[in-house]
Amino acid sequence: MANRKRQIPIIIMVNEREKALIEEKMRQLGTKNMGAYIRKMAIDGYVIRLDLSDISELVSLLRRSSNNLNQYAKRAHETGRIYEADIEDIQSSLKSVWEKADQIMTRLSTID
């Protein structure tokens, strides 16, 4: 043991599912040495953290737009009329949705 190149142990605990996932990824890579695999992933692996606040905002805009559209459709069925202000509101809501979607797509296109 004194001749080991690596003398500092790092111990991690995993559950059965996590161990199975690690073993599956090792099989995909073609390695059987778990220590080498985990060491390589800890040093060279990528961690991706996504900021999904824009997506949450887009979902909120879509939800509001669909709720408003449902209310306008309900009123149109009850009264038999469609109001110009309602159409303008729908168009404004859709414009906001498309602008947010365009912002998200532009940001995603810059990811390497």
PDB file of N, CA and C in Angstrom:
ATOM      1  N   MET A   1       0.801  -1.196   0.000  1.00  0.00           N
ATOM      2  CA  MET A   1       0.000   0.000   0.000  1.00  0.00           C
ATOM      3  C   MET A   1       0.847   1.266   0.000  1.00  0.00           C
ATOM      4  N   ALA A   2       2.044   1.200   0.549  1.00  0.00           N
ATOM      5  CA  ALA A   2       2.905   2.372   0.598  1.00  0.00           C
ATOM      6  C   ALA A   2       3.374   2.784  -0.791  1.00  0.00           C
ATOM      7  N   ASN A   3       3.338   1.866  -1.761  1.00  0.00           N
ATOM      8  CA  ASN A   3       3.781   2.164  -3.117  1.00  0.00           C
ATOM      9  C   ASN A   3       2.669   2.712  -4.010  1.00  0.00           C
ATOM     10  N   ARG A   4       1.511   2.909  -3.477  1.00  0.00           N
ATOM     11  CA  ARG A   4       0.391   3.415  -4.279  1.00  0.00           C
ATOM     12  C   ARG A   4       0.657   4.841  -4.745  1.00  0.00           C
ATOM     13  N   LYS A   5       0.225   5.144  -5.966  1.00  0.00           N
ATOM     14  CA  LYS A   5       0.328   6.502  -6.477  1.00  0.00           C
ATOM     15  C   LYS A   5      -0.740   7.391  -5.852  1.00  0.00           C
ATOM     16  N   ARG A   6      -1.883   6.808  -5.579  1.00  0.00           N
ATOM     17  CA  ARG A   6      -3.009   7.544  -5.011  1.00  0.00           C
ATOM     18  C   ARG A   6      -3.248   7.030  -3.591  1.00  0.00           C
ATOM     19  N   GLN A   7      -2.999   7.884  -2.615  1.00  0.00           N
ATOM     20  CA  GLN A   7      -3.085   7.430  -1.232  1.00  0.00           C
ATOM     21  C   GLN A   7      -4.223   8.065  -0.438  1.00  0.00           C
ATOM     22  N   ILE A   8      -4.984   8.949  -1.058  1.00  0.00           N
ATOM     23  CA  ILE A   8      -6.060   9.639  -0.346  1.00  0.00           C
ATOM     24  C   ILE A   8      -7.398   9.073  -0.811  1.00  0.00           C
ATOM     25  N   PRO A   9      -8.117   8.382   0.077  1.00  0.00           N
ATOM     26  CA  PRO A   9      -9.410   7.811  -0.328  1.00  0.00           C
ATOM     27  C   PRO A   9     -10.523   8.858  -0.292  1.00  0.00           C
ATOM     28  N   ILE A  10     -11.418   8.756  -1.253  1.00  0.00           N
ATOM     29  CA  ILE A  10     -12.657   9.533  -1.250  1.00  0.00           C
ATOM     30  C   ILE A  10     -13.776   8.512  -1.358  1.00  0.00           C
ATOM     31  N   ILE A  11     -14.647   8.497  -0.376  1.00  0.00           N
ATOM     32  CA  ILE A  11     -15.706   7.486  -0.332  1.00  0.00           C
ATOM     33  C   ILE A  11     -17.041   8.159  -0.621  1.00  0.00           C
ATOM     34  N   ILE A  12     -17.814   7.575  -1.530  1.00  0.00           N
ATOM     35  CA  ILE A  12     -19.160   8.076  -1.811  1.00  0.00           C
ATOM     36  C   ILE A  12     -20.155   6.946  -1.603  1.00  0.00           C
ATOM     37  N   MET A  13     -21.339   7.319  -1.217  1.00  0.00           N
ATOM     38  CA  MET A  13     -22.403   6.334  -1.030  1.00  0.00           C
ATOM     39  C   MET A  13     -23.424   6.536  -2.142  1.00  0.00           C
ATOM     40  N   VAL A  14     -23.894   5.432  -2.713  1.00  0.00           N
ATOM     41  CA  VAL A  14     -24.919   5.475  -3.745  1.00  0.00           C
ATOM     42  C   VAL A  14     -25.996   4.454  -3.399  1.00  0.00           C
ATOM     43  N   ASN A  15     -27.175   4.632  -3.998  1.00  0.00           N
ATOM     44  CA  ASN A  15     -28.217   3.619  -3.819  1.00  0.00           C
ATOM     45  C   ASN A  15     -28.132   2.630  -4.986  1.00  0.00           C
ATOM     46  N   GLU A  16     -28.970   1.627  -4.969  1.00  0.00           N
ATOM     47  CA  GLU A  16     -28.902   0.578  -6.005  1.00  0.00           C
ATOM     48  C   GLU A  16     -29.136   1.135  -7.401  1.00  0.00           C
ATOM     49  N   ARG A  17     -30.089   2.049  -7.523  1.00  0.00           N
ATOM     50  CA  ARG A  17     -30.402   2.632  -8.839  1.00  0.00           C
ATOM     51  C   ARG A  17     -29.208   3.422  -9.371  1.00  0.00           C
ATOM     52  N   GLU A  18     -28.596   4.245  -8.510  1.00  0.00           N
ATOM     53  CA  GLU A  18     -27.444   5.032  -8.927  1.00  0.00           C
ATOM     54  C   GLU A  18     -26.276   4.132  -9.333  1.00  0.00           C
ATOM     55  N   LYS A  19     -26.064   3.055  -8.576  1.00  0.00           N
ATOM     56  CA  LYS A  19     -24.985   2.119  -8.916  1.00  0.00           C
ATOM     57  C   LYS A  19     -25.248   1.475 -10.272  1.00  0.00           C
ATOM     58  N   ALA A  20     -26.498   1.102 -10.519  1.00  0.00           N
ATOM     59  CA  ALA A  20     -26.854   0.495 -11.806  1.00  0.00           C
ATOM     60  C   ALA A  20     -26.622   1.491 -12.946  1.00  0.00           C
ATOM     61  N   LEU A  21     -26.958   2.757 -12.730  1.00  0.00           N
ATOM     62  CA  LEU A  21     -26.732   3.777 -13.764  1.00  0.00           C
ATOM     63  C   LEU A  21     -25.239   3.964 -14.034  1.00  0.00           C
ATOM     64  N   ILE A  22     -24.445   3.987 -12.974  1.00  0.00           N
ATOM     65  CA  ILE A  22     -22.989   4.111 -13.148  1.00  0.00           C
ATOM     66  C   ILE A  22     -22.447   2.921 -13.925  1.00  0.00           C
ATOM     67  N   GLU A  23     -22.887   1.720 -13.552  1.00  0.00           N
ATOM     68  CA  GLU A  23     -22.421   0.522 -14.249  1.00  0.00           C
ATOM     69  C   GLU A  23     -22.853   0.515 -15.711  1.00  0.00           C
ATOM     70  N   GLU A  24     -24.051   0.994 -15.998  1.00  0.00           N
ATOM     71  CA  GLU A  24     -24.523   1.067 -17.392  1.00  0.00           C
ATOM     72  C   GLU A  24     -23.661   2.035 -18.198  1.00  0.00           C
ATOM     73  N   LYS A  25     -23.344   3.176 -17.619  1.00  0.00           N
ATOM     74  CA  LYS A  25     -22.491   4.134 -18.326  1.00  0.00           C
ATOM     75  C   LYS A  25     -21.081   3.575 -18.523  1.00  0.00           C
ATOM     76  N   MET A  26     -20.615   2.803 -17.551  1.00  0.00           N
ATOM     77  CA  MET A  26     -19.308   2.158 -17.700  1.00  0.00           C
ATOM     78  C   MET A  26     -19.343   1.153 -18.843  1.00  0.00           C
ATOM     79  N   ARG A  27     -20.439   0.388 -18.935  1.00  0.00           N
ATOM     80  CA  ARG A  27     -20.580  -0.578 -20.038  1.00  0.00           C
ATOM     81  C   ARG A  27     -20.593   0.142 -21.389  1.00  0.00           C
ATOM     82  N   GLN A  28     -21.313   1.263 -21.445  1.00  0.00           N
ATOM     83  CA  GLN A  28     -21.371   2.030 -22.693  1.00  0.00           C
ATOM     84  C   GLN A  28     -19.991   2.534 -23.099  1.00  0.00           C
ATOM     85  N   LEU A  29     -19.183   2.885 -22.109  1.00  0.00           N
ATOM     86  CA  LEU A  29     -17.835   3.369 -22.374  1.00  0.00           C
ATOM     87  C   LEU A  29     -16.860   2.236 -22.649  1.00  0.00           C
ATOM     88  N   GLY A  30     -17.197   1.044 -22.165  1.00  0.00           N
ATOM     89  CA  GLY A  30     -16.332  -0.107 -22.385  1.00  0.00           C
ATOM     90  C   GLY A  30     -15.257  -0.265 -21.321  1.00  0.00           C
ATOM     91  N   THR A  31     -15.523   0.194 -20.119  1.00  0.00           N
ATOM     92  CA  THR A  31     -14.547   0.044 -19.040  1.00  0.00           C
ATOM     93  C   THR A  31     -15.140  -0.783 -17.906  1.00  0.00           C
ATOM     94  N   LYS A  32     -14.259  -1.463 -17.197  1.00  0.00           N
ATOM     95  CA  LYS A  32     -14.696  -2.273 -16.062  1.00  0.00           C
ATOM     96  C   LYS A  32     -14.116  -1.757 -14.752  1.00  0.00           C
ATOM     97  N   ASN A  33     -13.221  -0.795 -14.821  1.00  0.00           N
ATOM     98  CA  ASN A  33     -12.557  -0.257 -13.647  1.00  0.00           C
ATOM     99  C   ASN A  33     -13.367   0.930 -13.126  1.00  0.00           C
ATOM    100  N   MET A  34     -14.173   0.687 -12.072  1.00  0.00           N
ATOM    101  CA  MET A  34     -15.056   1.725 -11.549  1.00  0.00           C
ATOM    102  C   MET A  34     -14.259   2.885 -10.962  1.00  0.00           C
ATOM    103  N   GLY A  35     -13.167   2.602 -10.269  1.00  0.00           N
ATOM    104  CA  GLY A  35     -12.350   3.668  -9.691  1.00  0.00           C
ATOM    105  C   GLY A  35     -11.828   4.611 -10.761  1.00  0.00           C
ATOM    106  N   ALA A  36     -11.314   4.045 -11.840  1.00  0.00           N
ATOM    107  CA  ALA A  36     -10.785   4.860 -12.936  1.00  0.00           C
ATOM    108  C   ALA A  36     -11.906   5.663 -13.598  1.00  0.00           C
ATOM    109  N   TYR A  37     -13.067   5.023 -13.789  1.00  0.00           N
ATOM    110  CA  TYR A  37     -14.199   5.700 -14.420  1.00  0.00           C
ATOM    111  C   TYR A  37     -14.669   6.880 -13.566  1.00  0.00           C
ATOM    112  N   ILE A  38     -14.879   6.638 -12.268  1.00  0.00           N
ATOM    113  CA  ILE A  38     -15.373   7.695 -11.388  1.00  0.00           C
ATOM    114  C   ILE A  38     -14.338   8.814 -11.255  1.00  0.00           C
ATOM    115  N   ARG A  39     -13.068   8.469 -11.172  1.00  0.00           N
ATOM    116  CA  ARG A  39     -12.006   9.468 -11.104  1.00  0.00           C
ATOM    117  C   ARG A  39     -11.998  10.331 -12.370  1.00  0.00           C
ATOM    118  N   LYS A  40     -12.082   9.689 -13.530  1.00  0.00           N
ATOM    119  CA  LYS A  40     -12.075  10.408 -14.804  1.00  0.00           C
ATOM    120  C   LYS A  40     -13.289  11.337 -14.911  1.00  0.00           C
ATOM    121  N   MET A  41     -14.454  10.851 -14.522  1.00  0.00           N
ATOM    122  CA  MET A  41     -15.667  11.671 -14.592  1.00  0.00           C
ATOM    123  C   MET A  41     -15.604  12.831 -13.598  1.00  0.00           C
ATOM    124  N   ALA A  42     -15.064  12.597 -12.404  1.00  0.00           N
ATOM    125  CA  ALA A  42     -14.970  13.660 -11.407  1.00  0.00           C
ATOM    126  C   ALA A  42     -14.009  14.758 -11.856  1.00  0.00           C
ATOM    127  N   ILE A  43     -12.962  14.374 -12.561  1.00  0.00           N
ATOM    128  CA  ILE A  43     -11.959  15.352 -12.996  1.00  0.00           C
ATOM    129  C   ILE A  43     -12.332  15.995 -14.328  1.00  0.00           C
ATOM    130  N   ASP A  44     -12.751  15.193 -15.300  1.00  0.00           N
ATOM    131  CA  ASP A  44     -12.967  15.693 -16.658  1.00  0.00           C
ATOM    132  C   ASP A  44     -14.427  15.772 -17.083  1.00  0.00           C
ATOM    133  N   GLY A  45     -15.334  15.248 -16.280  1.00  0.00           N
ATOM    134  CA  GLY A  45     -16.740  15.223 -16.665  1.00  0.00           C
ATOM    135  C   GLY A  45     -17.347  16.614 -16.686  1.00  0.00           C
ATOM    136  N   TYR A  46     -18.449  16.747 -17.374  1.00  0.00           N
ATOM    137  CA  TYR A  46     -19.154  18.014 -17.480  1.00  0.00           C
ATOM    138  C   TYR A  46     -20.360  18.021 -16.554  1.00  0.00           C
ATOM    139  N   VAL A  47     -20.579  19.154 -15.947  1.00  0.00           N
ATOM    140  CA  VAL A  47     -21.792  19.373 -15.171  1.00  0.00           C
ATOM    141  C   VAL A  47     -22.538  20.495 -15.867  1.00  0.00           C
ATOM    142  N   ILE A  48     -23.760  20.221 -16.218  1.00  0.00           N
ATOM    143  CA  ILE A  48     -24.564  21.217 -16.928  1.00  0.00           C
ATOM    144  C   ILE A  48     -25.668  21.686 -15.993  1.00  0.00           C
ATOM    145  N   ARG A  49     -25.692  22.974 -15.746  1.00  0.00           N
ATOM    146  CA  ARG A  49     -26.733  23.561 -14.913  1.00  0.00           C
ATOM    147  C   ARG A  49     -27.542  24.493 -15.800  1.00  0.00           C
ATOM    148  N   LEU A  50     -28.793  24.180 -15.966  1.00  0.00           N
ATOM    149  CA  LEU A  50     -29.639  24.961 -16.845  1.00  0.00           C
ATOM    150  C   LEU A  50     -30.444  25.980 -16.050  1.00  0.00           C
ATOM    151  N   ASP A  51     -30.460  27.199 -16.546  1.00  0.00           N
ATOM    152  CA  ASP A  51     -31.318  28.227 -15.977  1.00  0.00           C
ATOM    153  C   ASP A  51     -32.614  28.194 -16.780  1.00  0.00           C
ATOM    154  N   LEU A  52     -33.655  27.682 -16.177  1.00  0.00           N
ATOM    155  CA  LEU A  52     -34.933  27.498 -16.874  1.00  0.00           C
ATOM    156  C   LEU A  52     -35.939  28.598 -16.568  1.00  0.00           C
ATOM    157  N   SER A  53     -35.462  29.720 -16.027  1.00  0.00           N
ATOM    158  CA  SER A  53     -36.391  30.800 -15.684  1.00  0.00           C
ATOM    159  C   SER A  53     -37.098  31.345 -16.923  1.00  0.00           C
ATOM    160  N   ASP A  54     -36.394  31.411 -18.066  1.00  0.00           N
ATOM    161  CA  ASP A  54     -37.032  31.876 -19.298  1.00  0.00           C
ATOM    162  C   ASP A  54     -38.132  30.916 -19.743  1.00  0.00           C
ATOM    163  N   ILE A  55     -37.880  29.632 -19.592  1.00  0.00           N
ATOM    164  CA  ILE A  55     -38.882  28.634 -19.964  1.00  0.00           C
ATOM    165  C   ILE A  55     -40.097  28.756 -19.045  1.00  0.00           C
ATOM    166  N   SER A  56     -39.857  28.966 -17.757  1.00  0.00           N
ATOM    167  CA  SER A  56     -40.965  29.147 -16.810  1.00  0.00           C
ATOM    168  C   SER A  56     -41.797  30.364 -17.183  1.00  0.00           C
ATOM    169  N   GLU A  57     -41.111  31.442 -17.571  1.00  0.00           N
ATOM    170  CA  GLU A  57     -41.832  32.648 -17.988  1.00  0.00           C
ATOM    171  C   GLU A  57     -42.639  32.388 -19.259  1.00  0.00           C
ATOM    172  N   LEU A  58     -42.059  31.649 -20.195  1.00  0.00           N
ATOM    173  CA  LEU A  58     -42.775  31.316 -21.429  1.00  0.00           C
ATOM    174  C   LEU A  58     -44.008  30.474 -21.129  1.00  0.00           C
ATOM    175  N   VAL A  59     -43.874  29.498 -20.254  1.00  0.00           N
ATOM    176  CA  VAL A  59     -45.018  28.656 -19.874  1.00  0.00           C
ATOM    177  C   VAL A  59     -46.104  29.510 -19.228  1.00  0.00           C
ATOM    178  N   SER A  60     -45.697  30.452 -18.387  1.00  0.00           N
ATOM    179  CA  SER A  60     -46.658  31.347 -17.743  1.00  0.00           C
ATOM    180  C   SER A  60     -47.393  32.198 -18.783  1.00  0.00           C
ATOM    181  N   LEU A  61     -46.653  32.723 -19.750  1.00  0.00           N
ATOM    182  CA  LEU A  61     -47.280  33.503 -20.825  1.00  0.00           C
ATOM    183  C   LEU A  61     -48.258  32.653 -21.622  1.00  0.00           C
ATOM    184  N   LEU A  62     -47.861  31.428 -21.941  1.00  0.00           N
ATOM    185  CA  LEU A  62     -48.744  30.529 -22.685  1.00  0.00           C
ATOM    186  C   LEU A  62     -50.002  30.202 -21.890  1.00  0.00           C
ATOM    187  N   ARG A  63     -49.822  29.968 -20.596  1.00  0.00           N
ATOM    188  CA  ARG A  63     -50.966  29.645 -19.734  1.00  0.00           C
ATOM    189  C   ARG A  63     -51.955  30.814 -19.689  1.00  0.00           C
ATOM    190  N   ARG A  64     -51.423  32.032 -19.497  1.00  0.00           N
ATOM    191  CA  ARG A  64     -52.302  33.208 -19.459  1.00  0.00           C
ATOM    192  C   ARG A  64     -53.007  33.411 -20.790  1.00  0.00           C
ATOM    193  N   SER A  65     -52.252  33.246 -21.881  1.00  0.00           N
ATOM    194  CA  SER A  65     -52.839  33.422 -23.208  1.00  0.00           C
ATOM    195  C   SER A  65     -53.953  32.412 -23.464  1.00  0.00           C
ATOM    196  N   SER A  66     -53.712  31.161 -23.101  1.00  0.00           N
ATOM    197  CA  SER A  66     -54.744  30.142 -23.342  1.00  0.00           C
ATOM    198  C   SER A  66     -55.957  30.360 -22.444  1.00  0.00           C
ATOM    199  N   ASN A  67     -55.741  30.804 -21.202  1.00  0.00           N
ATOM    200  CA  ASN A  67     -56.868  31.108 -20.329  1.00  0.00           C
ATOM    201  C   ASN A  67     -57.697  32.257 -20.892  1.00  0.00           C
ATOM    202  N   ASN A  68     -57.010  33.315 -21.361  1.00  0.00           N
ATOM    203  CA  ASN A  68     -57.731  34.442 -21.961  1.00  0.00           C
ATOM    204  C   ASN A  68     -58.491  34.011 -23.208  1.00  0.00           C
ATOM    205  N   LEU A  69     -57.851  33.215 -24.040  1.00  0.00           N
ATOM    206  CA  LEU A  69     -58.506  32.747 -25.263  1.00  0.00           C
ATOM    207  C   LEU A  69     -59.750  31.931 -24.938  1.00  0.00           C
ATOM    208  N   ASN A  70     -59.667  31.096 -23.914  1.00  0.00           N
ATOM    209  CA  ASN A  70     -60.836  30.316 -23.504  1.00  0.00           C
ATOM    210  C   ASN A  70     -61.959  31.224 -23.032  1.00  0.00           C
ATOM    211  N   GLN A  71     -61.613  32.268 -22.302  1.00  0.00           N
ATOM    212  CA  GLN A  71     -62.639  33.210 -21.838  1.00  0.00           C
ATOM    213  C   GLN A  71     -63.284  33.939 -23.018  1.00  0.00           C
ATOM    214  N   TYR A  72     -62.473  34.327 -23.985  1.00  0.00           N
ATOM    215  CA  TYR A  72     -63.020  35.004 -25.171  1.00  0.00           C
ATOM    216  C   TYR A  72     -63.908  34.062 -25.968  1.00  0.00           C
ATOM    217  N   ALA A  73     -63.508  32.820 -26.106  1.00  0.00           N
ATOM    218  CA  ALA A  73     -64.318  31.833 -26.834  1.00  0.00           C
ATOM    219  C   ALA A  73     -65.642  31.607 -26.106  1.00  0.00           C
ATOM    220  N   LYS A  74     -65.590  31.518 -24.792  1.00  0.00           N
ATOM    221  CA  LYS A  74     -66.814  31.332 -24.000  1.00  0.00           C
ATOM    222  C   LYS A  74     -67.755  32.516 -24.212  1.00  0.00           C
ATOM    223  N   ARG A  75     -67.205  33.740 -24.138  1.00  0.00           N
ATOM    224  CA  ARG A  75     -68.034  34.932 -24.343  1.00  0.00           C
ATOM    225  C   ARG A  75     -68.581  34.977 -25.770  1.00  0.00           C
ATOM    226  N   ALA A  76     -67.784  34.581 -26.751  1.00  0.00           N
ATOM    227  CA  ALA A  76     -68.244  34.582 -28.145  1.00  0.00           C
ATOM    228  C   ALA A  76     -69.402  33.607 -28.327  1.00  0.00           C
ATOM    229  N   HIS A  77     -69.333  32.444 -27.671  1.00  0.00           N
ATOM    230  CA  HIS A  77     -70.432  31.475 -27.761  1.00  0.00           C
ATOM    231  C   HIS A  77     -71.685  31.991 -27.068  1.00  0.00           C
ATOM    232  N   GLU A  78     -71.503  32.702 -25.954  1.00  0.00           N
ATOM    233  CA  GLU A  78     -72.656  33.215 -25.211  1.00  0.00           C
ATOM    234  C   GLU A  78     -73.330  34.378 -25.930  1.00  0.00           C
ATOM    235  N   THR A  79     -72.512  35.281 -26.485  1.00  0.00           N
ATOM    236  CA  THR A  79     -73.069  36.501 -27.085  1.00  0.00           C
ATOM    237  C   THR A  79     -73.211  36.420 -28.599  1.00  0.00           C
ATOM    238  N   GLY A  80     -72.474  35.501 -29.205  1.00  0.00           N
ATOM    239  CA  GLY A  80     -72.489  35.414 -30.666  1.00  0.00           C
ATOM    240  C   GLY A  80     -71.666  36.514 -31.321  1.00  0.00           C
ATOM    241  N   ARG A  81     -70.851  37.216 -30.529  1.00  0.00           N
ATOM    242  CA  ARG A  81     -70.041  38.324 -31.058  1.00  0.00           C
ATOM    243  C   ARG A  81     -68.583  38.157 -30.646  1.00  0.00           C
ATOM    244  N   ILE A  82     -67.716  38.646 -31.506  1.00  0.00           N
ATOM    245  CA  ILE A  82     -66.286  38.706 -31.202  1.00  0.00           C
ATOM    246  C   ILE A  82     -65.913  40.183 -31.195  1.00  0.00           C
ATOM    247  N   TYR A  83     -65.270  40.613 -30.124  1.00  0.00           N
ATOM    248  CA  TYR A  83     -64.940  42.022 -29.961  1.00  0.00           C
ATOM    249  C   TYR A  83     -63.524  42.313 -30.435  1.00  0.00           C
ATOM    250  N   GLU A  84     -63.367  43.470 -31.064  1.00  0.00           N
ATOM    251  CA  GLU A  84     -62.074  43.859 -31.604  1.00  0.00           C
ATOM    252  C   GLU A  84     -61.018  43.969 -30.494  1.00  0.00           C
ATOM    253  N   ALA A  85     -61.413  44.458 -29.338  1.00  0.00           N
ATOM    254  CA  ALA A  85     -60.476  44.580 -28.217  1.00  0.00           C
ATOM    255  C   ALA A  85     -59.960  43.201 -27.792  1.00  0.00           C
ATOM    256  N   ASP A  86     -60.839  42.191 -27.840  1.00  0.00           N
ATOM    257  CA  ASP A  86     -60.423  40.833 -27.492  1.00  0.00           C
ATOM    258  C   ASP A  86     -59.403  40.305 -28.492  1.00  0.00           C
ATOM    259  N   ILE A  87     -59.644  40.564 -29.757  1.00  0.00           N
ATOM    260  CA  ILE A  87     -58.710  40.117 -30.808  1.00  0.00           C
ATOM    261  C   ILE A  87     -57.366  40.818 -30.637  1.00  0.00           C
ATOM    262  N   GLU A  88     -57.387  42.106 -30.327  1.00  0.00           N
ATOM    263  CA  GLU A  88     -56.144  42.839 -30.107  1.00  0.00           C
ATOM    264  C   GLU A  88     -55.391  42.291 -28.888  1.00  0.00           C
ATOM    265  N   ASP A  89     -56.141  41.931 -27.842  1.00  0.00           N
ATOM    266  CA  ASP A  89     -55.512  41.365 -26.645  1.00  0.00           C
ATOM    267  C   ASP A  89     -54.873  40.014 -26.961  1.00  0.00           C
ATOM    268  N   ILE A  90     -55.561  39.184 -27.742  1.00  0.00           N
ATOM    269  CA  ILE A  90     -55.013  37.883 -28.142  1.00  0.00           C
ATOM    270  C   ILE A  90     -53.734  38.088 -28.963  1.00  0.00           C
ATOM    271  N   GLN A  91     -53.787  39.035 -29.903  1.00  0.00           N
ATOM    272  CA  GLN A  91     -52.617  39.306 -30.730  1.00  0.00           C
ATOM    273  C   GLN A  91     -51.441  39.804 -29.887  1.00  0.00           C
ATOM    274  N   SER A  92     -51.722  40.644 -28.910  1.00  0.00           N
ATOM    275  CA  SER A  92     -50.671  41.150 -28.025  1.00  0.00           C
ATOM    276  C   SER A  92     -50.071  40.023 -27.195  1.00  0.00           C
ATOM    277  N   SER A  93     -50.932  39.141 -26.683  1.00  0.00           N
ATOM    278  CA  SER A  93     -50.453  38.008 -25.896  1.00  0.00           C
ATOM    279  C   SER A  93     -49.575  37.094 -26.738  1.00  0.00           C
ATOM    280  N   LEU A  94     -50.023  36.808 -27.948  1.00  0.00           N
ATOM    281  CA  LEU A  94     -49.238  35.943 -28.826  1.00  0.00           C
ATOM    282  C   LEU A  94     -47.911  36.585 -29.216  1.00  0.00           C
ATOM    283  N   LYS A  95     -47.924  37.897 -29.399  1.00  0.00           N
ATOM    284  CA  LYS A  95     -46.681  38.604 -29.710  1.00  0.00           C
ATOM    285  C   LYS A  95     -45.689  38.440 -28.559  1.00  0.00           C
ATOM    286  N   SER A  96     -46.164  38.562 -27.313  1.00  0.00           N
ATOM    287  CA  SER A  96     -45.302  38.383 -26.146  1.00  0.00           C
ATOM    288  C   SER A  96     -44.730  36.964 -26.096  1.00  0.00           C
ATOM    289  N   VAL A  97     -45.577  35.989 -26.391  1.00  0.00           N
ATOM    290  CA  VAL A  97     -45.136  34.591 -26.391  1.00  0.00           C
ATOM    291  C   VAL A  97     -44.051  34.387 -27.437  1.00  0.00           C
ATOM    292  N   TRP A  98     -44.273  34.878 -28.648  1.00  0.00           N
ATOM    293  CA  TRP A  98     -43.294  34.693 -29.709  1.00  0.00           C
ATOM    294  C   TRP A  98     -41.996  35.435 -29.423  1.00  0.00           C
ATOM    295  N   GLU A  99     -42.085  36.629 -28.821  1.00  0.00           N
ATOM    296  CA  GLU A  99     -40.873  37.362 -28.469  1.00  0.00           C
ATOM    297  C   GLU A  99     -40.044  36.588 -27.446  1.00  0.00           C
ATOM    298  N   LYS A 100     -40.713  36.045 -26.431  1.00  0.00           N
ATOM    299  CA  LYS A 100     -40.007  35.265 -25.412  1.00  0.00           C
ATOM    300  C   LYS A 100     -39.403  34.003 -26.025  1.00  0.00           C
ATOM    301  N   ALA A 101     -40.162  33.325 -26.895  1.00  0.00           N
ATOM    302  CA  ALA A 101     -39.648  32.123 -27.558  1.00  0.00           C
ATOM    303  C   ALA A 101     -38.431  32.471 -28.412  1.00  0.00           C
ATOM    304  N   ASP A 102     -38.479  33.616 -29.094  1.00  0.00           N
ATOM    305  CA  ASP A 102     -37.353  34.044 -29.928  1.00  0.00           C
ATOM    306  C   ASP A 102     -36.124  34.333 -29.063  1.00  0.00           C
ATOM    307  N   GLN A 103     -36.325  34.965 -27.906  1.00  0.00           N
ATOM    308  CA  GLN A 103     -35.209  35.225 -26.995  1.00  0.00           C
ATOM    309  C   GLN A 103     -34.569  33.917 -26.537  1.00  0.00           C
ATOM    310  N   ILE A 104     -35.397  32.961 -26.205  1.00  0.00           N
ATOM    311  CA  ILE A 104     -34.890  31.660 -25.746  1.00  0.00           C
ATOM    312  C   ILE A 104     -34.113  30.970 -26.859  1.00  0.00           C
ATOM    313  N   MET A 105     -34.672  30.967 -28.062  1.00  0.00           N
ATOM    314  CA  MET A 105     -33.992  30.321 -29.196  1.00  0.00           C
ATOM    315  C   MET A 105     -32.666  31.004 -29.509  1.00  0.00           C
ATOM    316  N   THR A 106     -32.633  32.324 -29.406  1.00  0.00           N
ATOM    317  CA  THR A 106     -31.387  33.064 -29.661  1.00  0.00           C
ATOM    318  C   THR A 106     -30.331  32.684 -28.631  1.00  0.00           C
ATOM    319  N   ARG A 107     -30.720  32.609 -27.363  1.00  0.00           N
ATOM    320  CA  ARG A 107     -29.765  32.213 -26.313  1.00  0.00           C
ATOM    321  C   ARG A 107     -29.314  30.772 -26.510  1.00  0.00           C
ATOM    322  N   LEU A 108     -30.219  29.889 -26.882  1.00  0.00           N
ATOM    323  CA  LEU A 108     -29.836  28.491 -27.091  1.00  0.00           C
ATOM    324  C   LEU A 108     -28.887  28.337 -28.270  1.00  0.00           C
ATOM    325  N   SER A 109     -29.043  29.173 -29.281  1.00  0.00           N
ATOM    326  CA  SER A 109     -28.197  29.043 -30.466  1.00  0.00           C
ATOM    327  C   SER A 109     -26.755  29.449 -30.186  1.00  0.00           C
ATOM    328  N   THR A 110     -26.511  30.141 -29.077  1.00  0.00           N
ATOM    329  CA  THR A 110     -25.132  30.553 -28.751  1.00  0.00           C
ATOM    330  C   THR A 110     -24.389  29.485 -27.954  1.00  0.00           C
ATOM    331  N   ILE A 111     -25.090  28.442 -27.534  1.00  0.00           N
ATOM    332  CA  ILE A 111     -24.454  27.380 -26.753  1.00  0.00           C
ATOM    333  C   ILE A 111     -23.600  26.523 -27.678  1.00  0.00           C
ATOM    334  N   ASP A 112     -22.376  26.299 -27.277  1.00  0.00           N
ATOM    335  CA  ASP A 112     -21.476  25.470 -28.103  1.00  0.00           C
ATOM    336  C   ASP A 112     -21.663  24.016 -27.817  1.00  0.00           C
TER     337      ASP A 112
END
